[in-house]
Amino acid sequence: QVQLVESGGGWVQPGGSLRLSCAASGSIFSMNIMGWYRQAPGKERELVASRSTLGTPEYADSVKDRFTISRDNAKNTVYLQMNSLQPADTAVYYCNLKYRGTSTAYWGQGTQVTVSS
């Protein structure tokens, strides 16, 4: 069993920054992909950014050059630094851990990010 615990959400004004953290615990294989998804009201959940244990990061076009995903593999923790936040970034952000080539995936409980003036 794998548990993902997110932190760092909140309210910020447009142009501001937030940093999300997600710590994974339990039985985790070292080669995995950790990432962040988000879901806004009335919309489908979408991938924001992901990064495999040894791979390069991948980003949604809407967040490129504004968000940065990083990992501390020793701590099984993934971070999402979000800069230049816009109202369109308002959503519940979910941490995800999965293994390439399998259907196995784990989700965090979600953390709310609200960008408004």
Protein backbone atom coordinates (compact mmCIF):
# COMPACT_ATOMS: atom_id res chain seq x y z
CA GLN A 1 0.00 0.00 0.00
CA VAL A 2 1.19 3.49 -0.86
CA GLN A 3 0.09 6.73 0.78
CA LEU A 4 0.54 10.17 -0.72
CA VAL A 5 0.23 13.24 1.49
CA GLU A 6 0.11 16.67 -0.12
CA SER A 7 0.68 20.07 1.43
CA GLY A 8 1.21 23.66 0.40
CA GLY A 9 -2.04 24.70 -1.23
CA GLY A 10 -3.87 27.89 -0.40
CA TRP A 11 -4.94 31.26 -1.71
CA VAL A 12 -2.71 33.62 -3.63
CA GLN A 13 -3.19 36.74 -5.71
CA PRO A 14 -2.55 36.68 -9.47
CA GLY A 15 1.16 36.80 -10.17
CA GLY A 16 1.98 35.12 -6.88
CA SER A 17 3.72 31.85 -6.10
CA LEU A 18 3.00 28.65 -4.20
CA ARG A 19 4.97 25.49 -3.60
CA LEU A 20 3.24 22.13 -3.31
CA SER A 21 4.82 19.10 -1.68
CA CYS A 22 3.84 15.45 -1.82
CA ALA A 23 5.43 12.78 0.34
CA ALA A 24 4.95 9.13 -0.57
CA SER A 25 5.22 6.34 1.97
CA GLY A 26 4.69 2.60 1.99
CA SER A 27 5.88 -0.06 -0.41
CA ILE A 28 7.33 1.96 -3.27
CA PHE A 29 9.41 0.64 -6.13
CA SER A 30 12.37 2.90 -6.80
CA MET A 31 11.62 3.36 -10.51
CA ASN A 32 8.39 5.29 -10.65
CA ILE A 33 6.75 8.39 -12.05
CA MET A 34 5.47 11.07 -9.71
CA GLY A 35 3.41 13.95 -10.89
CA TRP A 36 0.75 16.53 -10.30
CA TYR A 37 -2.71 16.67 -11.80
CA ARG A 38 -5.39 19.27 -11.28
CA GLN A 39 -9.14 19.45 -11.57
CA ALA A 40 -11.09 22.66 -11.80
CA PRO A 41 -14.86 22.79 -11.17
CA GLY A 42 -16.76 21.35 -14.11
CA LYS A 43 -13.59 20.20 -15.86
CA GLU A 44 -11.78 16.92 -16.23
CA ARG A 45 -8.65 16.13 -14.29
CA GLU A 46 -5.57 17.05 -16.31
CA LEU A 47 -1.87 16.42 -16.06
CA VAL A 48 0.14 19.43 -14.90
CA ALA A 49 3.64 18.01 -14.64
CA SER A 50 5.38 14.69 -14.07
CA ARG A 51 8.86 13.38 -13.55
CA SER A 52 10.20 9.85 -13.45
CA THR A 53 12.89 8.77 -11.00
CA LEU A 54 15.72 9.45 -13.44
CA GLY A 55 13.97 11.21 -16.28
CA THR A 56 13.40 14.71 -17.48
CA PRO A 57 10.25 16.54 -16.44
CA GLU A 58 7.18 16.91 -18.60
CA TYR A 59 4.77 19.83 -18.42
CA ALA A 60 1.38 20.79 -19.74
CA ASP A 61 1.70 23.60 -22.28
CA SER A 62 -0.35 25.89 -20.04
CA VAL A 63 2.22 25.81 -17.23
CA LYS A 64 5.52 25.64 -19.11
CA ASP A 65 7.97 28.34 -18.02
CA ARG A 66 5.88 29.04 -14.92
CA PHE A 67 5.87 25.75 -12.98
CA THR A 68 8.80 23.56 -12.00
CA ILE A 69 8.55 19.96 -10.80
CA SER A 70 11.37 18.47 -8.77
CA ARG A 71 11.98 15.32 -6.77
CA ASP A 72 13.91 14.14 -3.76
CA ASN A 73 14.17 10.45 -4.52
CA ALA A 74 15.71 9.64 -1.15
CA LYS A 75 12.60 11.05 0.54
CA ASN A 76 10.09 9.85 -2.07
CA THR A 77 8.89 13.42 -2.27
CA VAL A 78 7.85 15.50 -5.25
CA TYR A 79 7.49 19.27 -5.34
CA LEU A 80 5.71 21.69 -7.62
CA GLN A 81 6.94 25.27 -7.61
CA MET A 82 4.25 27.43 -9.15
CA ASN A 83 5.12 30.98 -10.19
CA SER A 84 3.17 33.68 -12.01
CA LEU A 85 -0.06 32.06 -10.95
CA GLN A 86 -3.20 32.99 -12.82
CA PRO A 87 -6.90 32.59 -11.99
CA ALA A 88 -7.02 29.79 -14.60
CA ASP A 89 -4.67 27.80 -12.33
CA THR A 90 -7.37 27.60 -9.66
CA ALA A 91 -8.13 23.92 -9.05
CA VAL A 92 -7.68 21.02 -6.69
CA TYR A 93 -4.18 19.68 -7.24
CA TYR A 94 -3.59 15.94 -6.84
CA CYS A 95 -0.33 14.12 -6.40
CA ASN A 96 0.08 10.89 -8.35
CA LEU A 97 2.54 8.01 -8.29
CA LYS A 98 2.54 5.35 -10.97
CA TYR A 99 4.73 2.75 -12.60
CA ARG A 100 5.49 2.84 -16.30
CA GLY A 101 3.86 0.05 -18.29
CA THR A 102 1.36 -0.87 -15.58
CA SER A 103 -2.09 0.28 -14.54
CA THR A 104 -0.98 0.77 -10.95
CA ALA A 105 -1.50 4.32 -9.75
CA TYR A 106 -1.91 6.03 -6.41
CA TRP A 107 -3.48 9.40 -5.63
CA GLY A 108 -3.24 11.90 -2.85
CA GLN A 109 -6.28 13.48 -1.24
CA GLY A 110 -5.87 16.74 -3.14
CA THR A 111 -5.01 20.27 -2.09
CA GLN A 112 -6.91 23.39 -3.11
CA VAL A 113 -5.13 26.18 -4.96
CA THR A 114 -7.10 29.39 -5.41
CA VAL A 115 -5.78 32.33 -7.42
CA SER A 116 -7.87 35.47 -7.16
CA SER A 117 -7.69 39.11 -6.29
